[in-house]
Amino acid sequence: MNDGGTIPLPWLVIRQDDNGNRYRVGRYATRAEAQKIADSLDVRGHKQLYLVERIGQNGNGVRN
């Protein structure tokens, strides 16, 4: 729900390390914006996996 004064940020970029630990990198308004960030982090050559997920209505991330 939007209160009129804020922009909803339903897209997350998540970093997952080799041990399966997950950390939120950031929240974004569009999937394209989140994917652009995930792609730019991925090309840096780190072993971590970067995922784009949408926040569900219950607040949980939904992998896309």
PDB file of N, CA and C in Angstrom:
ATOM      1  N   MET A   1       0.830  -1.174   0.000  1.00  0.00           N
ATOM      2  CA  MET A   1       0.000   0.000   0.000  1.00  0.00           C
ATOM      3  C   MET A   1       0.875   1.237   0.000  1.00  0.00           C
ATOM      4  N   ASN A   2       0.479   2.220  -0.752  1.00  0.00           N
ATOM      5  CA  ASN A   2       1.242   3.443  -0.879  1.00  0.00           C
ATOM      6  C   ASN A   2       0.480   4.566  -0.203  1.00  0.00           C
ATOM      7  N   ASP A   3       1.157   5.333   0.655  1.00  0.00           N
ATOM      8  CA  ASP A   3       0.482   6.417   1.368  1.00  0.00           C
ATOM      9  C   ASP A   3       0.464   7.717   0.577  1.00  0.00           C
ATOM     10  N   GLY A   4       0.914   7.677  -0.682  1.00  0.00           N
ATOM     11  CA  GLY A   4       0.894   8.855  -1.526  1.00  0.00           C
ATOM     12  C   GLY A   4       2.185   9.646  -1.467  1.00  0.00           C
ATOM     13  N   GLY A   5       2.976   9.505  -0.393  1.00  0.00           N
ATOM     14  CA  GLY A   5       4.201  10.265  -0.264  1.00  0.00           C
ATOM     15  C   GLY A   5       5.454   9.455  -0.496  1.00  0.00           C
ATOM     16  N   THR A   6       5.291   8.172  -0.716  1.00  0.00           N
ATOM     17  CA  THR A   6       6.465   7.329  -0.928  1.00  0.00           C
ATOM     18  C   THR A   6       6.295   6.489  -2.178  1.00  0.00           C
ATOM     19  N   ILE A   7       7.408   6.124  -2.766  1.00  0.00           N
ATOM     20  CA  ILE A   7       7.397   5.254  -3.935  1.00  0.00           C
ATOM     21  C   ILE A   7       7.585   3.829  -3.454  1.00  0.00           C
ATOM     22  N   PRO A   8       6.699   2.912  -3.856  1.00  0.00           N
ATOM     23  CA  PRO A   8       6.879   1.518  -3.440  1.00  0.00           C
ATOM     24  C   PRO A   8       8.141   0.931  -4.065  1.00  0.00           C
ATOM     25  N   LEU A   9       8.851   0.140  -3.283  1.00  0.00           N
ATOM     26  CA  LEU A   9      10.086  -0.494  -3.743  1.00  0.00           C
ATOM     27  C   LEU A   9       9.955  -2.004  -3.555  1.00  0.00           C
ATOM     28  N   PRO A  10       9.189  -2.652  -4.427  1.00  0.00           N
ATOM     29  CA  PRO A  10       8.891  -4.073  -4.229  1.00  0.00           C
ATOM     30  C   PRO A  10       9.967  -5.040  -4.724  1.00  0.00           C
ATOM     31  N   TRP A  11      11.001  -4.558  -5.408  1.00  0.00           N
ATOM     32  CA  TRP A  11      12.018  -5.449  -5.976  1.00  0.00           C
ATOM     33  C   TRP A  11      13.282  -5.407  -5.144  1.00  0.00           C
ATOM     34  N   LEU A  12      13.778  -6.589  -4.794  1.00  0.00           N
ATOM     35  CA  LEU A  12      14.981  -6.722  -3.983  1.00  0.00           C
ATOM     36  C   LEU A  12      16.120  -7.301  -4.811  1.00  0.00           C
ATOM     37  N   VAL A  13      17.337  -6.879  -4.482  1.00  0.00           N
ATOM     38  CA  VAL A  13      18.532  -7.581  -4.942  1.00  0.00           C
ATOM     39  C   VAL A  13      19.091  -8.264  -3.704  1.00  0.00           C
ATOM     40  N   ILE A  14      19.276  -9.570  -3.812  1.00  0.00           N
ATOM     41  CA  ILE A  14      19.756 -10.397  -2.712  1.00  0.00           C
ATOM     42  C   ILE A  14      21.108 -10.988  -3.098  1.00  0.00           C
ATOM     43  N   ARG A  15      22.053 -10.944  -2.163  1.00  0.00           N
ATOM     44  CA  ARG A  15      23.351 -11.602  -2.371  1.00  0.00           C
ATOM     45  C   ARG A  15      23.356 -12.888  -1.563  1.00  0.00           C
ATOM     46  N   GLN A  16      23.676 -13.977  -2.210  1.00  0.00           N
ATOM     47  CA  GLN A  16      23.769 -15.266  -1.531  1.00  0.00           C
ATOM     48  C   GLN A  16      25.207 -15.750  -1.620  1.00  0.00           C
ATOM     49  N   ASP A  17      25.803 -16.054  -0.458  1.00  0.00           N
ATOM     50  CA  ASP A  17      27.192 -16.498  -0.456  1.00  0.00           C
ATOM     51  C   ASP A  17      27.293 -18.017  -0.587  1.00  0.00           C
ATOM     52  N   ASP A  18      28.517 -18.514  -0.568  1.00  0.00           N
ATOM     53  CA  ASP A  18      28.765 -19.948  -0.762  1.00  0.00           C
ATOM     54  C   ASP A  18      28.143 -20.821   0.317  1.00  0.00           C
ATOM     55  N   ASN A  19      27.872 -20.245   1.488  1.00  0.00           N
ATOM     56  CA  ASN A  19      27.290 -21.002   2.595  1.00  0.00           C
ATOM     57  C   ASN A  19      25.765 -20.920   2.619  1.00  0.00           C
ATOM     58  N   GLY A  20      25.172 -20.242   1.644  1.00  0.00           N
ATOM     59  CA  GLY A  20      23.724 -20.112   1.588  1.00  0.00           C
ATOM     60  C   GLY A  20      23.176 -18.941   2.385  1.00  0.00           C
ATOM     61  N   ASN A  21      24.055 -18.146   2.989  1.00  0.00           N
ATOM     62  CA  ASN A  21      23.605 -16.956   3.713  1.00  0.00           C
ATOM     63  C   ASN A  21      23.149 -15.910   2.712  1.00  0.00           C
ATOM     64  N   ARG A  22      22.024 -15.260   3.031  1.00  0.00           N
ATOM     65  CA  ARG A  22      21.426 -14.283   2.124  1.00  0.00           C
ATOM     66  C   ARG A  22      21.376 -12.908   2.786  1.00  0.00           C
ATOM     67  N   TYR A  23      21.710 -11.886   1.993  1.00  0.00           N
ATOM     68  CA  TYR A  23      21.728 -10.512   2.478  1.00  0.00           C
ATOM     69  C   TYR A  23      21.060  -9.616   1.458  1.00  0.00           C
ATOM     70  N   ARG A  24      20.235  -8.707   1.944  1.00  0.00           N
ATOM     71  CA  ARG A  24      19.589  -7.758   1.041  1.00  0.00           C
ATOM     72  C   ARG A  24      20.586  -6.675   0.656  1.00  0.00           C
ATOM     73  N   VAL A  25      20.774  -6.482  -0.633  1.00  0.00           N
ATOM     74  CA  VAL A  25      21.671  -5.456  -1.150  1.00  0.00           C
ATOM     75  C   VAL A  25      20.922  -4.136  -1.277  1.00  0.00           C
ATOM     76  N   GLY A  26      19.680  -4.189  -1.775  1.00  0.00           N
ATOM     77  CA  GLY A  26      18.899  -2.973  -1.953  1.00  0.00           C
ATOM     78  C   GLY A  26      17.493  -3.279  -2.414  1.00  0.00           C
ATOM     79  N   ARG A  27      16.661  -2.226  -2.378  1.00  0.00           N
ATOM     80  CA  ARG A  27      15.274  -2.310  -2.836  1.00  0.00           C
ATOM     81  C   ARG A  27      15.088  -1.334  -3.978  1.00  0.00           C
ATOM     82  N   TYR A  28      14.277  -1.747  -4.974  1.00  0.00           N
ATOM     83  CA  TYR A  28      14.136  -0.950  -6.184  1.00  0.00           C
ATOM     84  C   TYR A  28      12.687  -0.910  -6.644  1.00  0.00           C
ATOM     85  N   ALA A  29      12.349   0.120  -7.410  1.00  0.00           N
ATOM     86  CA  ALA A  29      10.973   0.323  -7.856  1.00  0.00           C
ATOM     87  C   ALA A  29      10.578  -0.617  -8.987  1.00  0.00           C
ATOM     88  N   THR A  30      11.535  -0.971  -9.837  1.00  0.00           N
ATOM     89  CA  THR A  30      11.208  -1.816 -10.988  1.00  0.00           C
ATOM     90  C   THR A  30      12.139  -3.028 -11.039  1.00  0.00           C
ATOM     91  N   ARG A  31      11.655  -4.069 -11.685  1.00  0.00           N
ATOM     92  CA  ARG A  31      12.485  -5.261 -11.859  1.00  0.00           C
ATOM     93  C   ARG A  31      13.703  -4.937 -12.725  1.00  0.00           C
ATOM     94  N   ALA A  32      13.509  -4.123 -13.758  1.00  0.00           N
ATOM     95  CA  ALA A  32      14.614  -3.764 -14.653  1.00  0.00           C
ATOM     96  C   ALA A  32      15.732  -3.066 -13.884  1.00  0.00           C
ATOM     97  N   GLU A  33      15.365  -2.160 -12.991  1.00  0.00           N
ATOM     98  CA  GLU A  33      16.362  -1.456 -12.186  1.00  0.00           C
ATOM     99  C   GLU A  33      17.116  -2.430 -11.275  1.00  0.00           C
ATOM    100  N   ALA A  34      16.382  -3.323 -10.623  1.00  0.00           N
ATOM    101  CA  ALA A  34      17.006  -4.313  -9.739  1.00  0.00           C
ATOM    102  C   ALA A  34      17.906  -5.252 -10.524  1.00  0.00           C
ATOM    103  N   GLN A  35      17.454  -5.674 -11.703  1.00  0.00           N
ATOM    104  CA  GLN A  35      18.257  -6.579 -12.523  1.00  0.00           C
ATOM    105  C   GLN A  35      19.536  -5.906 -12.999  1.00  0.00           C
ATOM    106  N   LYS A  36      19.458  -4.622 -13.321  1.00  0.00           N
ATOM    107  CA  LYS A  36      20.640  -3.875 -13.752  1.00  0.00           C
ATOM    108  C   LYS A  36      21.693  -3.845 -12.638  1.00  0.00           C
ATOM    109  N   ILE A  37      21.258  -3.636 -11.403  1.00  0.00           N
ATOM    110  CA  ILE A  37      22.175  -3.630 -10.261  1.00  0.00           C
ATOM    111  C   ILE A  37      22.757  -5.023 -10.052  1.00  0.00           C
ATOM    112  N   ALA A  38      21.908  -6.049 -10.077  1.00  0.00           N
ATOM    113  CA  ALA A  38      22.376  -7.423  -9.883  1.00  0.00           C
ATOM    114  C   ALA A  38      23.395  -7.804 -10.958  1.00  0.00           C
ATOM    115  N   ASP A  39      23.116  -7.437 -12.196  1.00  0.00           N
ATOM    116  CA  ASP A  39      24.037  -7.743 -13.293  1.00  0.00           C
ATOM    117  C   ASP A  39      25.371  -7.027 -13.111  1.00  0.00           C
ATOM    118  N   SER A  40      25.324  -5.756 -12.687  1.00  0.00           N
ATOM    119  CA  SER A  40      26.567  -5.006 -12.514  1.00  0.00           C
ATOM    120  C   SER A  40      27.412  -5.582 -11.376  1.00  0.00           C
ATOM    121  N   LEU A  41      26.769  -6.096 -10.344  1.00  0.00           N
ATOM    122  CA  LEU A  41      27.503  -6.735  -9.255  1.00  0.00           C
ATOM    123  C   LEU A  41      28.048  -8.085  -9.678  1.00  0.00           C
ATOM    124  N   ASP A  42      27.289  -8.789 -10.472  1.00  0.00           N
ATOM    125  CA  ASP A  42      27.678 -10.131 -10.917  1.00  0.00           C
ATOM    126  C   ASP A  42      28.921 -10.107 -11.801  1.00  0.00           C
ATOM    127  N   VAL A  43      29.073  -9.092 -12.641  1.00  0.00           N
ATOM    128  CA  VAL A  43      30.206  -9.034 -13.565  1.00  0.00           C
ATOM    129  C   VAL A  43      31.520  -8.674 -12.874  1.00  0.00           C
ATOM    130  N   ARG A  44      31.460  -8.325 -11.613  1.00  0.00           N
ATOM    131  CA  ARG A  44      32.679  -7.983 -10.878  1.00  0.00           C
ATOM    132  C   ARG A  44      33.530  -9.203 -10.563  1.00  0.00           C
ATOM    133  N   GLY A  45      32.980 -10.390 -10.790  1.00  0.00           N
ATOM    134  CA  GLY A  45      33.765 -11.597 -10.645  1.00  0.00           C
ATOM    135  C   GLY A  45      33.774 -12.220  -9.263  1.00  0.00           C
ATOM    136  N   HIS A  46      32.932 -11.735  -8.361  1.00  0.00           N
ATOM    137  CA  HIS A  46      32.853 -12.348  -7.042  1.00  0.00           C
ATOM    138  C   HIS A  46      32.142 -13.686  -7.140  1.00  0.00           C
ATOM    139  N   LYS A  47      32.357 -14.553  -6.180  1.00  0.00           N
ATOM    140  CA  LYS A  47      31.732 -15.876  -6.198  1.00  0.00           C
ATOM    141  C   LYS A  47      30.281 -15.844  -5.719  1.00  0.00           C
ATOM    142  N   GLN A  48      29.840 -14.736  -5.145  1.00  0.00           N
ATOM    143  CA  GLN A  48      28.474 -14.669  -4.646  1.00  0.00           C
ATOM    144  C   GLN A  48      27.479 -14.673  -5.798  1.00  0.00           C
ATOM    145  N   LEU A  49      26.279 -15.129  -5.485  1.00  0.00           N
ATOM    146  CA  LEU A  49      25.177 -15.155  -6.428  1.00  0.00           C
ATOM    147  C   LEU A  49      24.263 -13.972  -6.113  1.00  0.00           C
ATOM    148  N   TYR A  50      23.879 -13.224  -7.134  1.00  0.00           N
ATOM    149  CA  TYR A  50      22.965 -12.101  -6.947  1.00  0.00           C
ATOM    150  C   TYR A  50      21.628 -12.450  -7.569  1.00  0.00           C
ATOM    151  N   LEU A  51      20.562 -12.328  -6.784  1.00  0.00           N
ATOM    152  CA  LEU A  51      19.216 -12.698  -7.200  1.00  0.00           C
ATOM    153  C   LEU A  51      18.307 -11.476  -7.158  1.00  0.00           C
ATOM    154  N   VAL A  52      17.314 -11.474  -8.030  1.00  0.00           N
ATOM    155  CA  VAL A  52      16.272 -10.443  -8.004  1.00  0.00           C
ATOM    156  C   VAL A  52      15.001 -11.119  -7.528  1.00  0.00           C
ATOM    157  N   GLU A  53      14.381 -10.543  -6.506  1.00  0.00           N
ATOM    158  CA  GLU A  53      13.141 -11.080  -5.948  1.00  0.00           C
ATOM    159  C   GLU A  53      12.139  -9.958  -5.744  1.00  0.00           C
ATOM    160  N   ARG A  54      10.865 -10.308  -5.863  1.00  0.00           N
ATOM    161  CA  ARG A  54       9.796  -9.349  -5.588  1.00  0.00           C
ATOM    162  C   ARG A  54       9.252  -9.627  -4.195  1.00  0.00           C
ATOM    163  N   ILE A  55       9.015  -8.572  -3.443  1.00  0.00           N
ATOM    164  CA  ILE A  55       8.433  -8.719  -2.116  1.00  0.00           C
ATOM    165  C   ILE A  55       6.965  -9.067  -2.278  1.00  0.00           C
ATOM    166  N   GLY A  56       6.532 -10.161  -1.655  1.00  0.00           N
ATOM    167  CA  GLY A  56       5.139 -10.568  -1.701  1.00  0.00           C
ATOM    168  C   GLY A  56       4.294  -9.694  -0.778  1.00  0.00           C
ATOM    169  N   GLN A  57       2.997  -9.845  -0.833  1.00  0.00           N
ATOM    170  CA  GLN A  57       2.096  -9.061  -0.002  1.00  0.00           C
ATOM    171  C   GLN A  57       2.317  -9.329   1.481  1.00  0.00           C
ATOM    172  N   ASN A  58       2.841 -10.508   1.815  1.00  0.00           N
ATOM    173  CA  ASN A  58       3.099 -10.811   3.220  1.00  0.00           C
ATOM    174  C   ASN A  58       4.483 -10.362   3.649  1.00  0.00           C
ATOM    175  N   GLY A  59       5.233  -9.668   2.748  1.00  0.00           N
ATOM    176  CA  GLY A  59       6.545  -9.161   3.088  1.00  0.00           C
ATOM    177  C   GLY A  59       7.684 -10.102   2.775  1.00  0.00           C
ATOM    178  N   ASN A  60       7.374 -11.313   2.327  1.00  0.00           N
ATOM    179  CA  ASN A  60       8.420 -12.267   1.979  1.00  0.00           C
ATOM    180  C   ASN A  60       8.864 -12.058   0.541  1.00  0.00           C
ATOM    181  N   GLY A  61      10.129 -12.339   0.282  1.00  0.00           N
ATOM    182  CA  GLY A  61      10.646 -12.252  -1.075  1.00  0.00           C
ATOM    183  C   GLY A  61      10.133 -13.431  -1.901  1.00  0.00           C
ATOM    184  N   VAL A  62       9.820 -13.155  -3.152  1.00  0.00           N
ATOM    185  CA  VAL A  62       9.381 -14.179  -4.088  1.00  0.00           C
ATOM    186  C   VAL A  62      10.382 -14.173  -5.232  1.00  0.00           C
ATOM    187  N   ARG A  63      11.072 -15.279  -5.430  1.00  0.00           N
ATOM    188  CA  ARG A  63      12.132 -15.353  -6.433  1.00  0.00           C
ATOM    189  C   ARG A  63      11.522 -15.298  -7.827  1.00  0.00           C
ATOM    190  N   ASN A  64      12.143 -14.487  -8.694  1.00  0.00           N
ATOM    191  CA  ASN A  64      11.724 -14.363 -10.101  1.00  0.00           C
ATOM    192  C   ASN A  64      12.887 -14.617 -11.013  1.00  0.00           C
TER     193      ASN A  64
END
